[in-house]
């Protein structure tokens, strides 16, 4: 596969993104990869390349493009709790700036670019906050998105009137959720509430809890990385893609 950085025109500016494509000629289905809060970086490119090697066109946008081009953050010293806390003080304002309106507007540009480069409807795969972004995008563009995979995604069940689980009935895609066993942002009670919302809405979904895994288990450049859980995530993702968008 071949990877490159491209620019995508959005309503609010220009978003940089990592694009990875298979070496095989011909048309290929598309995957929009939605990053975790640490941003677009080398680990995300590695993951995009691995998905592309299976025959998919993968686009991973820098959703924080309004702040700066990637990499937006440096992860050096992230294993130090104090430095990690300082990093999140920088991250949180950028996350809060990703309003529903901005997410939906940006996604229109991302999906448009991906559909220029791929064939058929696309699938979404999201990590941590990327899973919540994917949920928002899936509900906004049901005819353009065929599947959503969300991995170590928290905050899907909250007391907020805008909590994602309350809009479960708006999802039309095939869904897969790979939850972290040790995740205070998505407890066993939260997962049960989410699954009840899916059942009531008649949504087609699969939910698994990765035993012993922590929030962020796919990210090899962070202390939360769990190789076994990360490999299980790839297996589940490829199964979802084969079921929904693969030719």
Protein backbone atom coordinates (compact mmCIF):
# COMPACT_ATOMS: atom_id res chain seq x y z
CA UNK A 1 0.00 0.00 0.00
CA UNK A 2 1.04 3.62 -0.38
CA UNK A 3 0.45 6.43 2.10
CA UNK A 4 0.54 10.18 1.74
CA UNK A 5 -0.66 13.38 3.37
CA UNK A 6 -3.40 15.19 1.49
CA UNK A 7 -5.41 18.36 2.08
CA UNK A 8 -9.21 18.47 2.16
CA UNK A 9 -11.20 21.65 1.73
CA UNK A 10 -13.83 22.04 4.44
CA UNK A 11 -16.34 24.78 5.13
CA UNK A 12 -13.99 26.28 7.72
CA UNK A 13 -10.58 25.79 6.10
CA UNK A 14 -8.22 23.05 4.99
CA UNK A 15 -7.89 19.78 6.87
CA UNK A 16 -4.76 17.71 6.48
CA UNK A 17 -5.29 13.96 6.39
CA UNK A 18 -3.40 10.72 5.98
CA UNK A 19 -4.48 8.67 2.98
CA UNK A 20 -3.48 5.03 2.51
CA UNK A 21 -4.38 2.98 -0.56
CA UNK A 22 -3.85 -0.64 -1.64
CA UNK A 23 -1.19 -1.43 -4.21
CA UNK A 24 -3.64 -3.56 -6.20
CA UNK A 25 -5.19 -1.79 -9.19
CA UNK A 26 -8.92 -1.23 -9.46
CA UNK A 27 -11.57 0.30 -7.24
CA UNK A 28 -11.67 -0.39 -3.50
CA UNK A 29 -14.16 0.32 -0.72
CA UNK A 30 -13.44 3.21 1.62
CA UNK A 31 -12.84 3.47 5.35
CA UNK A 32 -12.89 6.73 7.30
CA UNK A 33 -10.60 6.35 10.32
CA UNK A 34 -11.51 8.69 13.17
CA UNK A 35 -8.63 9.38 15.52
CA UNK A 36 -8.35 9.33 19.27
CA UNK A 37 -7.76 12.49 21.29
CA UNK A 38 -3.99 12.31 20.84
CA UNK A 39 -4.42 13.20 17.20
CA UNK A 40 -3.15 12.22 13.78
CA UNK A 41 0.35 10.76 14.13
CA UNK A 42 2.57 7.85 13.23
CA UNK A 43 0.56 5.21 15.08
CA UNK A 44 -2.60 6.24 13.23
CA UNK A 45 -0.75 5.99 9.92
CA UNK A 46 0.41 2.48 10.83
CA UNK A 47 -3.15 1.42 11.56
CA UNK A 48 -4.44 2.98 8.35
CA UNK A 49 -1.75 1.16 6.37
CA UNK A 50 -2.70 -2.17 7.92
CA UNK A 51 -6.35 -1.67 6.99
CA UNK A 52 -5.39 -0.54 3.48
CA UNK A 53 -3.31 -3.68 3.00
CA UNK A 54 -6.56 -5.65 3.21
CA UNK A 55 -7.90 -3.84 0.14
CA UNK A 56 -9.42 -0.61 1.45
CA UNK A 57 -8.86 3.07 0.77
CA UNK A 58 -8.35 4.59 4.22
CA UNK A 59 -8.62 8.26 5.08
CA UNK A 60 -7.59 9.51 8.53
CA UNK A 61 -8.27 13.25 8.87
CA UNK A 62 -6.71 15.58 11.40
CA UNK A 63 -9.95 16.55 13.11
CA UNK A 64 -8.05 19.23 15.05
CA UNK A 65 -7.00 21.00 11.85
CA UNK A 66 -8.42 24.29 13.08
CA UNK A 67 -5.64 24.38 15.68
CA UNK A 68 -2.71 23.29 13.49
CA UNK A 69 -1.51 20.64 11.08
CA UNK A 70 -0.57 17.23 12.45
CA UNK A 71 1.03 16.26 14.67
CA UNK A 72 -0.94 18.53 16.96
CA UNK A 73 0.49 17.01 20.16
CA UNK A 74 3.76 15.41 21.19
CA UNK A 75 3.38 12.26 23.28
CA UNK A 76 6.89 12.19 24.72
CA UNK A 77 6.72 11.42 28.44
CA UNK A 78 3.07 10.37 28.31
CA UNK A 79 3.77 7.54 30.75
CA UNK A 80 4.34 10.24 33.42
CA UNK A 81 0.96 11.02 35.06
CA UNK A 82 1.89 14.67 35.55
CA UNK A 83 2.87 15.16 31.92
CA UNK A 84 -0.21 13.26 30.80
CA UNK A 85 -2.34 15.63 32.84
CA UNK A 86 -0.67 18.62 31.23
CA UNK A 87 -1.30 17.12 27.82
CA UNK A 88 -5.01 16.68 28.49
CA UNK A 89 -5.24 20.31 29.56
CA UNK A 90 -4.22 21.13 25.99
CA UNK A 91 -6.45 18.51 24.41
CA UNK A 92 -9.73 19.25 26.16
CA UNK A 93 -10.33 22.72 24.65
CA UNK A 94 -9.84 21.30 21.14
CA UNK A 95 -12.26 18.47 21.84
CA UNK A 96 -14.83 20.96 23.14
CA UNK A 97 -14.49 22.97 19.93
CA UNK A 98 -15.69 19.95 17.94
CA UNK A 99 -19.35 20.91 18.11
CA UNK A 100 -21.99 18.72 16.46
CA UNK A 101 -22.29 21.29 13.67
CA UNK A 102 -18.56 21.22 13.00
CA UNK A 103 -18.38 17.43 13.14
CA UNK A 104 -21.19 17.06 10.61
CA UNK A 105 -19.86 19.78 8.31
CA UNK A 106 -16.32 18.40 8.34
CA UNK A 107 -17.60 14.87 7.77
CA UNK A 108 -19.36 15.98 4.61
CA UNK A 109 -15.96 17.01 3.22
CA UNK A 110 -14.19 13.88 4.49
CA UNK A 111 -16.80 11.54 3.07
CA UNK A 112 -16.86 13.44 -0.19
CA UNK A 113 -13.10 13.09 -0.63
CA UNK A 114 -13.16 9.42 0.34
CA UNK A 115 -15.98 8.67 -2.06
CA UNK A 116 -13.99 10.28 -4.87
CA UNK A 117 -11.21 7.80 -4.19
CA UNK A 118 -13.18 4.65 -3.34
CA UNK A 119 -16.23 2.70 -4.44
CA UNK A 120 -19.62 2.38 -2.80
CA UNK A 121 -20.65 3.44 0.70
CA UNK A 122 -17.93 3.76 3.31
CA UNK A 123 -17.32 2.31 6.74
CA UNK A 124 -16.23 4.23 9.82
CA UNK A 125 -13.76 3.04 12.43
CA UNK A 126 -13.30 5.23 15.48
CA UNK A 127 -11.01 5.14 18.49
CA UNK A 128 -11.77 6.66 21.90
CA UNK A 129 -13.40 10.00 21.02
CA UNK A 130 -13.32 8.91 17.38
CA UNK A 131 -16.08 6.43 18.15
CA UNK A 132 -18.31 9.26 19.33
CA UNK A 133 -17.45 11.27 16.23
CA UNK A 134 -18.33 8.22 14.16
CA UNK A 135 -21.68 7.89 15.91
CA UNK A 136 -22.50 11.51 15.10
CA UNK A 137 -21.44 11.09 11.47
CA UNK A 138 -23.38 7.84 11.07
CA UNK A 139 -26.61 9.42 12.31
CA UNK A 140 -26.11 12.45 10.05
CA UNK A 141 -25.29 10.50 6.87
CA UNK A 142 -27.17 7.18 6.95
CA UNK A 143 -27.10 6.83 3.16
CA UNK A 144 -23.34 7.37 2.90
CA UNK A 145 -22.15 5.21 5.78
CA UNK A 146 -22.67 1.43 5.85
CA UNK A 147 -20.92 0.47 9.08
CA UNK A 148 -19.44 1.83 12.28
CA UNK A 149 -16.79 0.15 14.38
CA UNK A 150 -15.94 1.86 17.69
CA UNK A 151 -13.06 0.76 19.89
CA UNK A 152 -12.34 1.71 23.51
CA UNK A 153 -14.95 4.45 23.11
CA UNK A 154 -16.33 5.97 26.28
CA UNK A 155 -18.93 8.61 26.97
CA UNK A 156 -21.66 6.89 24.97
CA UNK A 157 -24.01 6.84 27.97
CA UNK A 158 -24.17 9.97 30.13
CA UNK A 159 -26.71 12.08 31.99
CA UNK A 160 -26.45 14.77 29.32
CA UNK A 161 -29.62 15.31 27.24
CA UNK A 162 -27.34 14.98 24.19
CA UNK A 163 -25.94 11.61 25.31
CA UNK A 164 -25.26 9.44 22.22
CA UNK A 165 -27.29 6.48 23.45
CA UNK A 166 -30.45 8.57 23.28
CA UNK A 167 -30.10 8.78 19.51
CA UNK A 168 -29.58 5.05 18.98
CA UNK A 169 -32.77 4.91 16.94
CA UNK A 170 -31.19 7.15 14.30
CA UNK A 171 -28.49 4.61 13.45
CA UNK A 172 -29.07 2.57 10.29
CA UNK A 173 -25.63 0.97 10.00
CA UNK A 174 -24.16 -2.35 11.07
CA UNK A 175 -22.40 -1.61 14.37
CA UNK A 176 -19.53 -3.13 16.30
CA UNK A 177 -18.29 -1.98 19.69
CA UNK A 178 -15.10 -3.27 21.29
CA UNK A 179 -15.14 -1.94 24.84
CA UNK A 180 -12.22 -1.83 27.23
CA UNK A 181 -12.69 -3.88 30.37
CA UNK A 182 -11.05 -1.20 32.52
CA UNK A 183 -12.74 1.99 31.34
CA UNK A 184 -14.33 4.36 33.82
CA UNK A 185 -15.90 6.29 30.94
CA UNK A 186 -17.85 3.20 29.81
CA UNK A 187 -18.73 0.98 32.75
CA UNK A 188 -20.54 -2.35 32.68
CA UNK A 189 -23.71 -0.48 33.68
CA UNK A 190 -23.20 1.98 30.82
CA UNK A 191 -22.73 -0.86 28.35
CA UNK A 192 -25.93 -2.55 29.55
CA UNK A 193 -27.83 0.73 29.08
CA UNK A 194 -26.40 1.14 25.59
CA UNK A 195 -27.34 -2.40 24.57
CA UNK A 196 -30.86 -1.88 25.88
CA UNK A 197 -31.13 1.25 23.72
CA UNK A 198 -29.96 -0.73 20.69
CA UNK A 199 -32.44 -3.53 21.29
CA UNK A 200 -35.32 -1.11 21.75
CA UNK A 201 -34.36 0.64 18.51
CA UNK A 202 -33.94 -2.60 16.56
CA UNK A 203 -30.34 -1.75 15.69
CA UNK A 204 -28.04 -4.47 14.28
CA UNK A 205 -25.00 -4.49 16.55
CA UNK A 206 -22.30 -6.54 18.23
CA UNK A 207 -20.74 -5.49 21.52
CA UNK A 208 -17.76 -7.13 23.18
CA UNK A 209 -15.74 -6.33 26.27
CA UNK A 210 -12.02 -6.98 25.86
CA UNK A 211 -11.03 -8.65 29.09
CA UNK A 212 -8.21 -6.93 30.97
CA UNK A 213 -7.84 -4.17 28.37
CA UNK A 214 -7.60 -0.50 29.26
CA UNK A 215 -9.06 2.54 27.55
CA UNK A 216 -6.77 3.14 24.57
CA UNK A 217 -5.73 -0.48 24.09
CA UNK A 218 -5.05 -0.15 20.33
CA UNK A 219 -2.57 2.70 20.66
CA UNK A 220 0.95 1.28 20.66
CA UNK A 221 2.48 4.68 21.46
CA UNK A 222 0.70 4.94 24.82
CA UNK A 223 0.95 3.03 28.14
CA UNK A 224 -2.57 1.63 27.61
CA UNK A 225 -1.51 -0.52 24.64
CA UNK A 226 -2.53 -4.16 24.85
CA UNK A 227 -1.23 -6.24 21.95
CA UNK A 228 -3.76 -9.06 22.31
CA UNK A 229 -6.69 -6.64 22.51
CA UNK A 230 -5.35 -4.62 19.59
CA UNK A 231 -5.07 -7.75 17.44
CA UNK A 232 -8.60 -8.77 18.42
CA UNK A 233 -9.77 -5.31 17.34
CA UNK A 234 -8.27 -5.79 13.88
CA UNK A 235 -9.96 -9.18 13.55
CA UNK A 236 -13.33 -7.70 14.52
CA UNK A 237 -12.89 -4.70 12.25
CA UNK A 238 -12.01 -6.82 9.23
CA UNK A 239 -15.03 -9.02 9.91
CA UNK A 240 -17.25 -5.93 9.99
CA UNK A 241 -15.76 -4.56 6.77
CA UNK A 242 -16.10 -7.89 4.99
CA UNK A 243 -19.75 -8.05 6.02
CA UNK A 244 -20.67 -4.50 5.01
CA UNK A 245 -18.44 -2.82 2.39
CA UNK A 246 -15.96 -5.31 0.93
CA UNK A 247 -16.59 -6.31 -2.68
